[in-house]
Amino acid sequence: MQWTTTFPCQPKEIPVFSNPDRPIRPSVAALVLGTLMIGLLSAGFSVPAASAADTMPTIEVANAADGSHLLVNGRDFMVFGMNWGHMPIGQNYSYSLFNQSDDVIRAALDREMPLLQAMGVNTIRHYAGMPPRWVTYVYEKYGIYTVLNHTVGRYGLTLDGVWHPVTDYSDPQVRAQLKSEVVALVDEFKDTPGVLMWLLGNENNYGLSWSSFEIEALPEGERNQFRARFLYSLMGEIIDAVHQHDPGRPVAIANGDVQYIDLVAEECPGLDVFGTNVYRGISARDLYQVVHDKLGIPIVYTEFGCDAFNAVTMQEDQAMQARYLLGQWEEIYEQSAGKGRVGNAIGGMIFQWSDGWWKYKQEERLDIHDTHASWPNGGYPEDLREGENNMNEEWWGICAKGLPDPRGIYDVYPRAAYYCLRDAFRLNPYGPDTDLDRIRSWFANIQPMAGVLTARGDAAALRTDALSKVRLSAWNSRPTAPTAITSPHRPSRARRMTDIPRSWASITASPFTPTSRPSPAKRSRAACR
């Protein structure tokens, strides 16, 4: 039995795999045809425009005997994705690249998108706020799709001019407003080339905390389940509305793991792709089977990965990060269609592109690269001590971040994970000879320490760049560079972007006090930066 849902998409086909070392050259026939067309036009002949049906590629979400597929123009499309955002050191969630001038936006995109493209990334995840023309720019210039994300009240909402930090999904006015916001976003972007799919929420199931007399009357263990039904019934209504306004793209949610998946099945029958933020360590274990049994639709990771700081050794640990990401991607390959396993994996969006220096305090210490571990996770045992935290929110980037210039533009410096995954993505997951043995052999030959050695060259470049700024600032008598930066040095417990006179080697640890795990809202990764 096979079912297929077809979505007419935008008029450009992006190949799943390409070789940047072999640029595409037009054929002789194409050159002749182009010359003929120019001659006809100059002679006054008109050329009929292609119809939408002729030029619109299709996106298909399909289930077949060998598993679940995401197809673009009939070809299997693995989401080699990245949670991407541009956040200069010293800024926080209030900053937006897309509030800057066009030249700054273009400069930032043109500095980072080529690196993503060279790695093999074909999709970025971005929250609402990236204007349509820049989504198109990234797609047309770099061949990278955008998964556009509305948070559906995850971090609060403004209602009648009043900010509500906690969203009550049972409130009819709240539900109507959130549905209206998502539909407006869809209407704004539905004709935008480069939007791959719509994504709703971000771990909203972890933020169900509103109160009512009805809820308080329930046994404590049933209260969140009661709230969750309102959340997912709203998601189901929004999914249906999105399909009505844009039948040309699939819709996914960004759930927190598989919590409340039975409610998802009941309340969201129109869901096309189950998106989930998963931090289980190197393997997701039964996740694929659970999604298959409960939902029967493809799964895409909306967040997953590993931080690059070892909470036991108190050092940056690029090899550890690379090992986890390689293991996670090997499992995605193995769980994709046609490999004889569950067969419902269609890719994932790594968390994240570059470090978020603002994540720990969010409004303080923005010029400090904190190594404060915010919460514990036993899925990453290498750097976990019993009773202590090991998840370092400011160190999840697969790239280190350089100093911003006066416009807020900065370089990123790939860590070992970047180079290892670049090599991993060269294996076509749907190639005719890509079976389990081929996948395991391919990944076994990618060595994290080789990636570390490659990354050290970039670290040296970062050090040289920063030292050149030191010399320049000394000449101008206006210090602008840091006393320490990310990859080039063994980190102390915290590092600050301050004046230069201190030596690179004289980095000392700042006070460090472990705290309990923050609330989901506090530890949010919503900005994806």
Protein backbone atom coordinates (compact mmCIF):
# COMPACT_ATOMS: atom_id res chain seq x y z
CA MET A 1 0.00 0.00 0.00
CA GLN A 2 1.30 3.46 -0.86
CA TRP A 3 -0.03 6.94 -0.28
CA THR A 4 1.37 10.18 -1.57
CA THR A 5 0.58 13.77 -0.71
CA THR A 6 1.72 16.15 -3.44
CA PHE A 7 2.61 19.77 -2.84
CA PRO A 8 3.29 22.04 -5.85
CA CYS A 9 6.21 24.17 -4.76
CA GLN A 10 8.40 26.91 -6.22
CA PRO A 11 10.02 27.09 -9.67
CA LYS A 12 13.52 25.95 -8.95
CA GLU A 13 14.92 22.47 -8.56
CA ILE A 14 17.69 22.08 -6.03
CA PRO A 15 19.67 18.88 -6.51
CA VAL A 16 20.09 16.85 -3.38
CA PHE A 17 23.77 16.40 -4.09
CA SER A 18 26.21 18.58 -5.96
CA ASN A 19 29.96 18.78 -6.38
CA PRO A 20 31.27 22.32 -5.81
CA ASP A 21 34.53 21.36 -7.49
CA ARG A 22 32.72 20.68 -10.78
CA PRO A 23 30.72 23.75 -11.77
CA ILE A 24 27.78 23.18 -14.09
CA ARG A 25 28.51 24.42 -17.62
CA PRO A 26 25.82 25.00 -20.26
CA SER A 27 25.71 22.52 -23.11
CA VAL A 28 26.28 23.51 -26.71
CA ALA A 29 22.56 22.99 -27.36
CA ALA A 30 21.69 25.35 -24.52
CA LEU A 31 24.03 28.01 -25.90
CA VAL A 32 22.55 27.67 -29.38
CA LEU A 33 19.01 27.84 -28.00
CA GLY A 34 19.89 30.93 -25.97
CA THR A 35 21.33 32.66 -29.03
CA LEU A 36 18.20 31.79 -31.01
CA MET A 37 15.95 33.17 -28.26
CA ILE A 38 17.86 36.45 -28.17
CA GLY A 39 17.53 36.74 -31.94
CA LEU A 40 13.79 36.14 -31.84
CA LEU A 41 13.27 38.67 -29.08
CA SER A 42 15.35 41.32 -30.84
CA ALA A 43 13.30 40.74 -34.01
CA GLY A 44 10.10 41.50 -32.16
CA PHE A 45 8.84 38.01 -31.57
CA SER A 46 7.24 37.27 -28.20
CA VAL A 47 7.96 34.11 -26.29
CA PRO A 48 5.03 32.68 -24.28
CA ALA A 49 5.69 32.43 -20.55
CA ALA A 50 5.73 28.98 -19.06
CA SER A 51 2.62 28.16 -17.09
CA ALA A 52 2.81 27.59 -13.36
CA ALA A 53 2.12 23.91 -13.95
CA ASP A 54 5.16 23.73 -16.25
CA THR A 55 7.58 25.50 -13.92
CA MET A 56 6.44 24.58 -10.39
CA PRO A 57 8.36 21.69 -8.89
CA THR A 58 6.55 19.49 -6.43
CA ILE A 59 7.19 18.44 -2.86
CA GLU A 60 5.78 15.07 -1.94
CA VAL A 61 5.47 13.43 1.43
CA ALA A 62 5.08 9.75 0.65
CA ASN A 63 4.83 6.46 2.51
CA ALA A 64 5.79 3.33 0.64
CA ALA A 65 6.70 -0.24 1.50
CA ASP A 66 10.33 0.74 2.12
CA GLY A 67 9.54 3.69 4.40
CA SER A 68 8.70 7.40 4.40
CA HIS A 69 10.04 9.83 1.83
CA LEU A 70 10.31 13.56 1.26
CA LEU A 71 10.51 14.06 -2.49
CA VAL A 72 11.41 17.22 -4.39
CA ASN A 73 10.54 16.94 -8.08
CA GLY A 74 10.25 13.22 -7.67
CA ARG A 75 13.71 12.81 -6.12
CA ASP A 76 14.39 11.77 -2.56
CA PHE A 77 15.39 14.80 -0.50
CA MET A 78 17.25 14.35 2.77
CA VAL A 79 17.03 17.43 4.99
CA PHE A 80 20.66 18.29 5.70
CA GLY A 81 19.54 21.11 7.96
CA MET A 82 20.87 23.70 10.37
CA ASN A 83 19.37 25.93 13.03
CA TRP A 84 20.86 29.16 11.74
CA GLY A 85 20.88 32.73 12.93
CA HIS A 86 23.21 35.73 13.00
CA MET A 87 24.00 37.08 16.49
CA PRO A 88 27.08 39.24 17.11
CA ILE A 89 28.91 38.82 20.41
CA GLY A 90 27.56 41.38 22.87
CA GLN A 91 23.98 41.17 21.57
CA ASN A 92 21.02 39.12 22.76
CA TYR A 93 17.54 38.06 21.70
CA SER A 94 16.53 41.67 21.04
CA TYR A 95 18.92 41.85 18.06
CA SER A 96 17.75 40.97 14.56
CA LEU A 97 19.97 40.86 11.51
CA PHE A 98 16.94 41.65 9.38
CA ASN A 99 16.42 44.99 11.10
CA GLN A 100 19.80 46.10 9.76
CA SER A 101 20.51 47.77 6.43
CA ASP A 102 20.47 45.74 3.23
CA ASP A 103 24.24 45.92 2.82
CA VAL A 104 24.76 44.51 6.32
CA ILE A 105 22.24 41.71 5.73
CA ARG A 106 23.80 40.80 2.40
CA ALA A 107 27.32 40.88 3.88
CA ALA A 108 26.31 38.55 6.71
CA LEU A 109 24.57 36.09 4.40
CA ASP A 110 27.38 36.13 1.87
CA ARG A 111 29.88 35.37 4.61
CA GLU A 112 28.06 32.42 6.18
CA MET A 113 25.93 30.81 3.47
CA PRO A 114 28.91 29.69 1.36
CA LEU A 115 30.22 27.77 4.38
CA LEU A 116 26.86 26.09 4.87
CA GLN A 117 26.67 25.31 1.17
CA ALA A 118 30.19 23.85 1.13
CA MET A 119 29.30 21.63 4.10
CA GLY A 120 26.36 20.19 2.15
CA VAL A 121 23.58 21.93 4.08
CA ASN A 122 20.47 22.31 1.95
CA THR A 123 18.03 23.68 4.56
CA ILE A 124 18.07 26.22 7.38
CA ARG A 125 15.51 26.64 10.12
CA HIS A 126 14.59 30.22 10.93
CA TYR A 127 11.90 31.85 12.99
CA ALA A 128 9.43 34.37 11.62
CA GLY A 129 11.20 37.67 10.98
CA MET A 130 13.33 36.77 7.96
CA PRO A 131 11.68 38.74 5.11
CA PRO A 132 10.57 36.87 1.98
CA ARG A 133 13.14 38.47 -0.30
CA TRP A 134 16.01 37.22 1.87
CA VAL A 135 14.55 33.72 1.94
CA THR A 136 14.53 33.91 -1.85
CA TYR A 137 18.06 35.35 -1.90
CA VAL A 138 19.46 32.44 0.12
CA TYR A 139 17.59 29.94 -2.05
CA GLU A 140 18.46 31.37 -5.43
CA LYS A 141 22.09 32.21 -4.69
CA TYR A 142 23.07 29.26 -2.50
CA GLY A 143 20.44 26.59 -3.17
CA ILE A 144 19.42 26.48 0.48
CA TYR A 145 15.79 26.13 1.51
CA THR A 146 14.26 27.68 4.62
CA VAL A 147 11.95 25.95 7.08
CA LEU A 148 9.90 28.87 8.37
CA ASN A 149 8.90 28.62 12.01
CA HIS A 150 6.09 30.34 13.93
CA THR A 151 6.35 29.66 17.67
CA VAL A 152 2.56 29.61 18.24
CA GLY A 153 2.75 31.47 21.53
CA ARG A 154 5.57 29.36 22.98
CA TYR A 155 7.15 32.34 24.72
CA GLY A 156 4.00 34.36 25.37
CA LEU A 157 1.93 36.72 23.26
CA THR A 158 0.48 40.22 23.17
CA LEU A 159 -3.30 40.30 23.43
CA ASP A 160 -5.19 43.59 23.18
CA GLY A 161 -1.95 45.47 23.76
CA VAL A 162 -1.04 43.51 26.91
CA TRP A 163 1.90 41.13 27.06
CA HIS A 164 1.09 37.68 28.48
CA PRO A 165 4.24 35.67 29.30
CA VAL A 166 2.22 32.46 29.70
CA THR A 167 -0.01 31.32 26.84
CA ASP A 168 -3.40 29.89 27.77
CA TYR A 169 -4.26 27.62 24.85
CA SER A 170 -7.77 27.10 26.19
CA ASP A 171 -8.68 30.79 25.76
CA PRO A 172 -10.79 31.23 22.58
CA GLN A 173 -9.34 34.70 21.97
CA VAL A 174 -5.78 33.40 22.25
CA ARG A 175 -6.53 30.53 19.89
CA ALA A 176 -8.11 32.82 17.32
CA GLN A 177 -5.20 35.27 17.43
CA LEU A 178 -2.51 32.60 17.11
CA LYS A 179 -4.30 30.97 14.21
CA SER A 180 -4.67 34.37 12.56
CA GLU A 181 -0.94 35.11 13.01
CA VAL A 182 0.13 31.84 11.42
CA VAL A 183 -2.27 32.25 8.50
CA ALA A 184 -0.98 35.80 7.93
CA LEU A 185 2.59 34.45 7.87
CA VAL A 186 1.62 31.77 5.37
CA ASP A 187 -0.15 34.28 3.13
CA GLU A 188 2.93 36.51 3.21
CA PHE A 189 5.35 33.72 2.24
CA LYS A 190 3.35 31.21 0.23
CA ASP A 191 4.57 32.61 -3.11
CA THR A 192 8.16 32.90 -1.87
CA PRO A 193 10.71 30.66 -3.58
CA GLY A 194 12.81 28.79 -1.05
CA VAL A 195 10.31 27.94 1.70
CA LEU A 196 10.51 24.16 2.09
CA MET A 197 7.88 23.61 4.77
CA TRP A 198 5.99 25.29 7.60
CA LEU A 199 7.00 24.58 11.18
CA LEU A 200 4.76 25.23 14.18
CA GLY A 201 5.95 25.83 17.74
CA ASN A 202 9.12 24.96 19.60
CA GLU A 203 8.75 22.52 22.48
CA ASN A 204 5.40 24.09 23.38
CA ASN A 205 4.60 20.95 25.33
CA TYR A 206 7.27 21.97 27.86
CA GLY A 207 5.58 25.30 28.56
CA LEU A 208 2.06 24.32 29.64
CA SER A 209 1.71 26.26 32.87
CA TRP A 210 -1.43 28.37 32.80
CA SER A 211 -3.92 27.96 35.64
CA SER A 212 -7.70 27.84 35.88
CA PHE A 213 -10.25 26.60 38.41
CA GLU A 214 -10.96 23.67 36.11
CA ILE A 215 -7.28 22.69 35.98
CA GLU A 216 -6.71 23.11 39.71
CA ALA A 217 -9.61 20.77 40.39
CA LEU A 218 -7.81 17.94 38.61
CA PRO A 219 -5.31 15.57 40.25
CA GLU A 220 -1.83 17.03 39.85
CA GLY A 221 -0.70 14.25 37.54
CA GLU A 222 -3.48 14.96 35.04
CA ARG A 223 -3.15 18.73 34.77
CA ASN A 224 -0.55 18.95 32.03
CA GLN A 225 -2.32 16.28 29.98
CA PHE A 226 -5.47 18.38 30.22
CA ARG A 227 -3.59 21.50 29.08
CA ALA A 228 -1.81 19.59 26.32
CA ARG A 229 -5.07 18.63 24.63
CA PHE A 230 -5.86 22.32 24.15
CA LEU A 231 -2.39 22.87 22.68
CA TYR A 232 -2.60 20.05 20.16
CA SER A 233 -6.21 20.71 19.20
CA LEU A 234 -5.11 24.24 18.31
CA MET A 235 -2.15 22.85 16.37
CA GLY A 236 -4.56 20.61 14.46
CA GLU A 237 -6.77 23.56 13.55
CA ILE A 238 -3.76 25.60 12.43
CA ILE A 239 -2.43 22.72 10.31
CA ASP A 240 -5.76 22.51 8.50
CA ALA A 241 -5.81 26.30 7.98
CA VAL A 242 -2.27 26.27 6.59
CA HIS A 243 -3.20 23.54 4.12
CA GLN A 244 -6.15 25.62 2.97
CA HIS A 245 -4.03 28.75 2.42
CA ASP A 246 -0.97 26.98 1.01
CA PRO A 247 -1.60 23.47 -0.29
CA GLY A 248 1.87 23.68 -1.83
CA ARG A 249 3.95 22.81 1.22
CA PRO A 250 3.94 20.27 4.05
CA VAL A 251 3.38 21.27 7.68
CA ALA A 252 5.38 20.06 10.67
CA ILE A 253 5.40 20.74 14.39
CA ALA A 254 8.49 21.12 16.61
CA ASN A 255 7.57 18.94 19.56
CA GLY A 256 9.69 18.31 22.61
CA ASP A 257 10.75 14.68 22.02
CA VAL A 258 7.69 12.40 21.73
CA GLN A 259 5.82 13.66 24.78
CA TYR A 260 2.03 13.58 24.26
CA ILE A 261 2.41 11.76 20.94
CA ASP A 262 -0.94 10.04 21.48
CA LEU A 263 -2.56 13.47 21.66
CA VAL A 264 -0.71 14.49 18.50
CA ALA A 265 -2.22 11.46 16.77
CA GLU A 266 -5.71 12.31 18.00
CA GLU A 267 -5.71 16.08 17.51
CA CYS A 268 -3.42 16.58 14.48
CA PRO A 269 -4.59 14.12 11.80
CA GLY A 270 -3.47 16.49 9.03
CA LEU A 271 0.15 16.66 10.20
CA ASP A 272 2.56 15.88 7.34
CA VAL A 273 5.89 15.59 9.16
CA PHE A 274 6.59 15.00 12.84
CA GLY A 275 9.32 17.45 13.84
CA THR A 276 10.94 17.00 17.22
CA ASN A 277 13.70 18.49 19.36
CA VAL A 278 15.64 15.50 20.68
CA TYR A 279 18.59 15.43 23.07
CA ARG A 280 18.98 11.75 23.86
CA GLY A 281 22.69 11.56 23.15
CA ILE A 282 24.30 9.55 20.38
CA SER A 283 21.20 7.44 19.67
CA ALA A 284 17.49 8.20 19.71
CA ARG A 285 16.83 4.52 20.43
CA ASP A 286 13.11 3.72 20.05
CA LEU A 287 12.09 7.17 18.77
CA TYR A 288 11.71 6.09 15.14
CA GLN A 289 9.57 3.08 15.99
CA VAL A 290 7.33 5.09 18.32
CA VAL A 291 6.68 7.73 15.64
CA HIS A 292 6.03 5.02 13.06
CA ASP A 293 3.59 3.14 15.29
CA LYS A 294 1.73 6.19 16.60
CA LEU A 295 1.71 8.52 13.59
CA GLY A 296 2.88 6.70 10.48
CA ILE A 297 4.49 9.84 9.01
CA PRO A 298 8.10 10.95 8.41
CA ILE A 299 10.22 12.30 11.23
CA VAL A 300 12.62 15.24 10.96
CA TYR A 301 14.74 16.50 13.83
CA THR A 302 14.01 20.17 14.41
CA GLU A 303 16.84 20.31 16.97
CA PHE A 304 19.53 17.82 17.95
CA GLY A 305 23.27 17.79 18.48
CA CYS A 306 25.91 18.13 21.16
CA ASP A 307 27.66 21.04 22.82
CA ALA A 308 31.39 21.54 22.34
CA PHE A 309 32.36 22.03 25.99
CA ASN A 310 33.33 19.19 28.31
CA ALA A 311 31.91 19.88 31.78
CA VAL A 312 34.28 17.37 33.39
CA THR A 313 37.59 18.55 31.93
CA MET A 314 36.34 22.17 31.75
CA GLN A 315 37.74 22.48 28.25
CA GLU A 316 36.41 22.86 24.77
CA ASP A 317 36.07 19.33 23.37
CA GLN A 318 35.60 19.39 19.62
CA ALA A 319 36.20 15.66 19.22
CA MET A 320 33.37 14.86 21.65
CA GLN A 321 30.94 17.07 19.76
CA ALA A 322 31.96 15.53 16.44
CA ARG A 323 31.55 11.96 17.75
CA TYR A 324 28.01 12.58 18.93
CA LEU A 325 26.93 14.32 15.73
CA LEU A 326 28.46 11.61 13.56
CA GLY A 327 26.65 8.95 15.56
CA GLN A 328 23.36 10.83 15.33
CA TRP A 329 23.65 11.29 11.57
CA GLU A 330 24.70 7.69 11.02
CA GLU A 331 21.47 6.65 12.72
CA ILE A 332 19.44 9.07 10.57
CA TYR A 333 20.97 7.50 7.44
CA GLU A 334 20.24 4.01 8.73
CA GLN A 335 16.64 4.90 9.61
CA SER A 336 15.89 6.50 6.23
CA ALA A 337 13.74 4.72 3.68
CA GLY A 338 15.05 1.62 1.95
CA LYS A 339 17.55 0.43 4.57
CA GLY A 340 15.47 -2.31 6.14
CA ARG A 341 14.97 -0.57 9.45
CA VAL A 342 12.02 1.65 10.48
CA GLY A 343 12.61 3.85 7.43
CA ASN A 344 10.89 7.10 8.47
CA ALA A 345 13.85 9.49 8.95
CA ILE A 346 14.04 12.32 6.40
CA GLY A 347 16.85 14.32 8.02
CA GLY A 348 17.37 16.90 10.69
CA MET A 349 18.35 20.45 11.57
CA ILE A 350 21.46 20.54 13.75
CA PHE A 351 21.44 22.73 16.80
CA GLN A 352 23.27 24.94 16.03
CA TRP A 353 25.42 26.87 13.54
CA SER A 354 27.48 29.14 15.83
CA ASP A 355 27.81 29.68 19.57
CA GLY A 356 25.25 31.77 21.43
CA TRP A 357 27.23 33.94 23.83
CA TRP A 358 24.01 35.40 25.25
CA LYS A 359 22.31 32.19 26.33
CA TYR A 360 23.29 31.85 30.00
CA LYS A 361 22.12 35.13 31.53
CA GLN A 362 20.41 36.37 28.34
CA GLU A 363 20.55 40.01 29.46
CA GLU A 364 23.85 40.06 31.34
CA ARG A 365 27.42 38.95 30.65
CA LEU A 366 26.82 39.21 26.91
CA ASP A 367 30.53 39.67 26.26
CA ILE A 368 31.45 36.54 28.24
CA HIS A 369 31.55 33.06 26.77
CA ASP A 370 30.15 31.30 29.82
CA THR A 371 30.86 27.68 30.59
CA HIS A 372 28.04 27.51 33.10
CA ALA A 373 26.22 24.20 32.56
CA SER A 374 22.49 24.87 32.83
CA TRP A 375 20.95 21.40 33.10
CA PRO A 376 21.96 17.72 33.34
CA ASN A 377 21.53 15.15 30.59
CA GLY A 378 22.49 11.51 31.06
CA GLY A 379 22.41 10.95 27.30
CA TYR A 380 25.86 12.60 27.17
CA PRO A 381 27.75 10.60 29.81
CA GLU A 382 31.26 11.61 28.74
CA ASP A 383 31.07 14.93 30.54
CA LEU A 384 28.47 14.16 33.21
CA ARG A 385 29.27 13.93 36.90
CA GLU A 386 26.53 12.65 39.19
CA GLY A 387 24.57 15.49 40.70
CA GLU A 388 26.04 18.13 38.38
CA ASN A 389 24.94 19.81 35.15
CA ASN A 390 26.65 19.16 31.84
CA MET A 391 24.68 21.00 29.13
CA ASN A 392 26.53 24.20 28.21
CA GLU A 393 24.00 26.40 26.40
CA GLU A 394 26.57 28.84 25.00
CA TRP A 395 28.67 26.16 23.29
CA TRP A 396 26.33 24.32 20.92
CA GLY A 397 27.70 25.83 17.72
CA ILE A 398 29.54 23.67 15.22
CA CYS A 399 31.35 26.93 14.51
CA ALA A 400 33.17 29.26 16.86
CA LYS A 401 32.37 32.93 16.54
CA GLY A 402 34.82 35.73 15.78
CA LEU A 403 34.70 39.38 16.75
CA PRO A 404 32.12 41.62 15.09
CA ASP A 405 33.19 44.63 13.10
CA PRO A 406 31.43 47.99 13.68
CA ARG A 407 28.51 46.81 11.51
CA GLY A 408 28.05 43.61 13.52
CA ILE A 409 29.56 41.35 10.83
CA TYR A 410 31.85 38.58 12.04
CA ASP A 411 33.58 35.45 10.81
CA VAL A 412 32.69 31.98 11.98
CA TYR A 413 35.36 29.31 12.39
CA PRO A 414 34.29 25.70 11.87
CA ARG A 415 34.93 23.16 14.57
CA ALA A 416 35.75 19.51 13.96
CA ALA A 417 32.06 18.59 13.64
CA TYR A 418 31.77 20.83 10.58
CA TYR A 419 34.50 18.98 8.70
CA CYS A 420 33.32 15.53 9.81
CA LEU A 421 29.75 16.19 8.71
CA ARG A 422 30.91 17.72 5.45
CA ASP A 423 32.53 14.36 4.74
CA ALA A 424 29.50 12.43 5.99
CA PHE A 425 27.05 14.31 3.77
CA ARG A 426 29.00 13.31 0.66
CA LEU A 427 27.39 9.89 0.93
CA ASN A 428 24.09 9.88 -0.97
CA PRO A 429 21.62 8.42 1.56
CA TYR A 430 19.44 7.18 -1.30
CA GLY A 431 22.15 5.94 -3.63
CA PRO A 432 21.65 2.51 -5.22
CA ASP A 433 24.52 1.04 -3.20
CA THR A 434 23.77 2.85 0.07
CA ASP A 435 22.78 0.01 2.36
CA LEU A 436 23.51 -0.50 6.06
CA ASP A 437 26.98 -1.92 5.42
CA ARG A 438 27.89 0.98 3.16
CA ILE A 439 26.62 3.53 5.70
CA ARG A 440 28.50 1.97 8.61
CA SER A 441 31.70 1.67 6.61
CA TRP A 442 31.43 5.28 5.43
CA PHE A 443 30.94 6.73 8.89
CA ALA A 444 33.58 4.46 10.44
CA ASN A 445 36.15 6.03 8.12
CA ILE A 446 35.45 9.56 9.34
CA GLN A 447 37.72 10.31 12.28
CA PRO A 448 36.79 13.11 14.71
CA MET A 449 40.45 13.76 15.53
CA ALA A 450 41.16 14.41 11.86
CA GLY A 451 38.44 17.03 12.02
CA VAL A 452 40.07 18.51 15.10
CA LEU A 453 43.37 18.86 13.26
CA THR A 454 41.65 20.58 10.34
CA ALA A 455 39.80 22.92 12.70
CA ARG A 456 43.03 23.93 14.38
CA GLY A 457 44.08 25.66 11.20
CA ASP A 458 40.99 27.84 11.43
CA ALA A 459 41.69 28.43 15.11
CA ALA A 460 45.12 29.72 14.18
CA ALA A 461 43.53 31.99 11.62
CA LEU A 462 41.17 33.32 14.27
CA ARG A 463 44.08 34.04 16.59
CA THR A 464 45.92 35.86 13.79
CA ASP A 465 42.83 37.89 12.95
CA ALA A 466 42.31 38.92 16.57
CA LEU A 467 45.99 39.82 17.05
CA SER A 468 45.90 41.96 13.93
CA LYS A 469 43.02 43.85 15.49
CA VAL A 470 45.07 44.29 18.63
CA ARG A 471 47.82 45.92 16.60
CA LEU A 472 45.33 48.08 14.78
CA SER A 473 43.65 49.16 18.02
CA ALA A 474 47.02 50.03 19.51
CA TRP A 475 47.75 52.20 16.47
CA ASN A 476 44.40 53.91 16.82
CA SER A 477 44.55 54.00 20.65
CA ARG A 478 41.08 52.44 20.71
CA PRO A 479 41.07 48.77 21.83
CA THR A 480 38.53 46.67 19.95
CA ALA A 481 39.67 43.05 20.20
CA PRO A 482 39.17 40.46 22.94
CA THR A 483 41.45 39.06 25.56
CA ALA A 484 40.19 35.63 24.58
CA ILE A 485 38.11 33.98 21.90
CA THR A 486 36.56 30.61 21.36
CA SER A 487 38.57 27.92 19.62
CA PRO A 488 42.17 29.19 19.56
CA HIS A 489 42.73 28.86 23.31
CA ARG A 490 41.98 26.51 26.10
CA PRO A 491 38.97 28.16 27.68
CA SER A 492 38.69 29.24 31.26
CA ARG A 493 35.34 29.02 32.96
CA ALA A 494 34.32 32.23 31.31
CA ARG A 495 35.89 34.56 28.79
CA ARG A 496 35.23 38.22 28.31
CA MET A 497 35.52 40.58 25.39
CA THR A 498 37.33 43.43 27.09
CA ASP A 499 40.29 45.71 26.50
CA ILE A 500 43.48 44.27 25.09
CA PRO A 501 46.45 45.00 27.33
CA ARG A 502 46.22 41.63 29.11
CA SER A 503 48.21 38.80 27.56
CA TRP A 504 46.50 36.04 25.60
CA ALA A 505 48.00 33.56 28.06
CA SER A 506 46.79 35.32 31.19
CA ILE A 507 43.21 34.08 31.09
CA THR A 508 41.82 33.37 34.55
CA ALA A 509 38.63 31.70 35.66
CA SER A 510 35.68 33.81 36.69
CA PRO A 511 33.52 32.85 39.69
CA PHE A 512 31.32 29.87 38.96
CA THR A 513 28.29 28.79 40.94
CA PRO A 514 26.17 25.86 39.76
CA THR A 515 22.43 26.41 39.83
CA SER A 516 19.42 24.22 39.37
CA ARG A 517 17.99 23.51 35.94
CA PRO A 518 16.16 26.59 34.67
CA SER A 519 12.57 26.60 33.59
CA PRO A 520 11.91 25.66 29.94
CA ALA A 521 11.29 29.29 29.06
CA LYS A 522 14.58 30.36 30.62
CA ARG A 523 16.60 27.69 28.82
CA SER A 524 14.85 28.33 25.53
CA ARG A 525 16.80 28.14 22.31
CA ALA A 526 14.13 30.09 20.51
CA ALA A 527 16.38 32.56 18.75
CA CYS A 528 18.43 29.70 17.24
CA ARG A 529 21.51 31.86 17.26
